[in-house]
Every structure is written in C-alpha cells, then in structure tokens.
Amino acid sequence: MLFIPLKKKYKKSQKGRCFKKINKNNSLCFGQYGLQLLSPFRITSKQLITLRNNIKKKIKKKGRVIVRAFSHISVTRKPLEVRMGKGKGSVSSWVSRLKSGTIICEISTFKKILALKVLNRVRFKFPVKTRVVIKNILF
C-alpha cells in the first residue's frame, strides 16, 4: 500500500511543535473501542500503516478498523556527507502532529474480549503512552 500525500501549495513544511494541550475531539465516533494518546507525539506514515495491519491481522473479519490520524506534514532530510547550505533537503517521510487525548484508531466489533486483547497488544508496540477507551452504551 503506497502513501499518496495531499496536494499542497508548498511541498516542504517547517518542523513545528507538539504542545501539551489536550485535544477536544477525544470521543469515539465510529467504533466502540479506541486507542487514545496520553502525550503529544509525531506519528509517521509507516507507524500508522503497521498499526492498521497489526489490528487487521488479529481481528480478521470479525470487526472493522478505522484509523483517524493521517500523515500530511512532510519531513525533509539532507543526504549524508553533504556540506551546510545549498537549500533545504528533499522530502524523506510524512508525519502527523497529534495532541494528547487524540484517538488514533477505533474498532467496531461485537466481541469485547477480542477488541481489548488486540488494542492492548498494539499498545505495547507503540512508542508513546496510550490507553484503551471504551464507549459507554446505554440500553
């Protein structure tokens, strides 16, 4: 699966910062179970793809996976052994800046034990602190 970036006016962007503000959109929208960030983080497109693939591999056809983060900020890098100056380097990867409290992915399935097991397994592979969130369903 190839990553195709959005069309932008300027291809290269500045680094920016991930501040410690809590994100207001921190509720589940598409599924019953989700993975929420506890600290600000810059997530790469490769990490998002591996996250999606790991969850799909475990759930198979028993549920649906929705990834809410999208990497749209370019990261540039100069080649090795190149002297200073001569402009900005070429685009090497794509990232997304996420605030704390952002929900990265959601799972909609009827099997609660399976969803919690999968999210806990993915949680430990992730390079930032996260927690599993469950939607309150009232009958």
Foldseek 3Di string as FASTA:
>chain_A
DDDDADDDPDPADDDDDADQDADPPQDDDPAFKFKFAAAKDKAFPVLLVVLVVLLCVQCPPQKDKDFPFDFHHFDFDADPPDDPDPDTHDTDTTITIDHGSHTGMHIHGPDPVSVVVSNVVSQVVDPGHIDMDGDDDDD
